[in-house]
Protein backbone atom coordinates (compact mmCIF):
# COMPACT_ATOMS: atom_id res chain seq x y z
CA MET A 1 -7.49 27.04 7.49
CA LEU A 2 -7.76 23.50 5.62
CA LYS A 3 -7.09 22.97 2.44
CA THR A 4 -10.02 20.94 0.60
CA TYR A 5 -9.60 19.31 -2.37
CA HIS A 6 -12.58 18.42 -4.44
CA ALA A 7 -14.30 15.25 -5.43
CA GLY A 8 -11.69 14.64 -7.99
CA GLY A 9 -8.70 13.70 -5.48
CA LEU A 10 -11.49 11.10 -3.80
CA GLN A 11 -12.21 9.51 -6.57
CA GLN A 12 -8.95 9.35 -7.95
CA VAL A 13 -7.81 7.50 -4.56
CA THR A 14 -10.87 4.96 -4.75
CA ALA A 15 -9.83 4.02 -7.77
CA ARG A 16 -6.86 2.82 -7.04
CA LEU A 17 -7.40 1.56 -3.86
CA VAL A 18 -10.64 -0.56 -5.51
CA SER A 19 -8.28 -2.02 -8.07
CA GLU A 20 -5.75 -3.00 -5.46
CA PHE A 21 -8.26 -4.74 -3.12
CA SER A 22 -10.41 -6.56 -5.51
CA ALA A 23 -11.41 -8.92 -2.57
CA VAL A 24 -13.10 -5.87 -0.74
CA SER A 25 -16.52 -4.48 -2.27
CA HIS A 26 -16.31 -0.97 -4.11
CA SER A 27 -19.01 0.43 -1.54
CA ARG A 28 -16.58 -0.31 1.32
CA VAL A 29 -13.34 0.71 0.22
CA GLU A 30 -14.91 3.95 -1.10
CA ARG A 31 -16.99 4.34 2.66
CA CYS A 32 -12.97 3.56 3.78
CA VAL A 33 -11.79 6.53 1.69
CA SER A 34 -14.02 8.33 2.46
CA ASP A 35 -14.69 8.23 6.63
CA THR A 36 -10.74 8.66 6.64
CA TRP A 37 -10.83 11.54 4.02
CA ARG A 38 -12.91 12.95 7.24
CA CYS A 39 -10.92 11.96 10.17
CA ALA A 40 -8.41 13.49 8.50
CA GLU A 41 -9.78 16.83 8.52
CA HIS A 42 -11.07 15.72 12.10
CA LEU A 43 -7.99 15.55 13.30
CA GLY A 44 -6.32 19.13 11.51
CA PHE A 45 -4.20 17.31 9.75
CA GLU A 46 -4.27 18.78 5.70
CA ALA A 47 -5.82 15.91 3.77
CA THR A 48 -4.01 15.14 0.86
CA PRO A 49 -5.18 12.79 -1.75
CA GLY A 50 -2.13 11.08 -0.88
CA LEU A 51 -2.60 11.19 2.78
CA VAL A 52 -5.66 9.57 2.46
CA GLU A 53 -4.87 7.39 0.43
CA ARG A 54 -2.07 5.51 2.51
CA VAL A 55 -4.40 5.59 5.68
CA ALA A 56 -6.71 4.26 3.65
CA ARG A 57 -4.24 1.38 2.31
CA GLU A 58 -3.21 0.13 5.63
CA HIS A 59 -6.86 0.39 7.19
CA LEU A 60 -7.39 -1.93 4.14
CA GLN A 61 -4.56 -3.95 4.48
CA ALA A 62 -5.49 -4.53 8.01
CA MET A 63 -9.44 -5.71 7.17
CA VAL A 64 -8.22 -8.18 4.75
CA LYS A 65 -5.94 -9.63 6.93
CA SER A 66 -8.35 -9.91 9.80
CA GLU A 67 -11.03 -12.07 7.87
CA PRO A 68 -11.04 -16.05 7.90
CA PRO A 69 -9.80 -17.66 4.83
CA SER A 70 -13.13 -18.61 2.70
CA GLY A 71 -15.52 -17.90 5.73
CA LEU A 72 -14.07 -21.09 7.47
CA GLY A 73 -13.77 -19.30 10.85
CA SER A 74 -17.33 -20.02 11.95
CA ALA A 75 -16.97 -23.95 10.42
CA LEU A 76 -13.05 -23.77 12.95
CA HIS A 77 -14.87 -22.16 16.45
CA PRO A 78 -18.71 -23.43 16.52
CA ARG A 79 -19.94 -21.40 19.46
CA THR A 80 -21.86 -23.24 21.86
CA ALA A 81 -23.68 -22.70 24.72
CA GLY A 82 -21.94 -21.03 28.19
CA HIS A 83 -18.61 -20.80 26.06
CA ASP A 84 -17.65 -17.45 27.43
CA ARG A 85 -18.41 -18.97 31.28
CA LEU A 86 -15.25 -19.01 33.40
CA SER A 87 -16.42 -21.51 35.60
């Protein structure tokens, strides 16, 4: 049977990641931690706070790195009509 950790473990992980990822909203970090926890349990892993923190950190780093700098992404590449046509 899987070992379930109390909500305090989730709160501690969330608090550490919120302070580490100040550019990401608290609710987004909290959702990431919660989703990671559920995913690990669903896959049959022992969802320890350490495992969840490491996986959630990797996911948050990927989210931060994939965002366009200062909202310039849409200004640099405006969408034009028919931009996705091959001909």
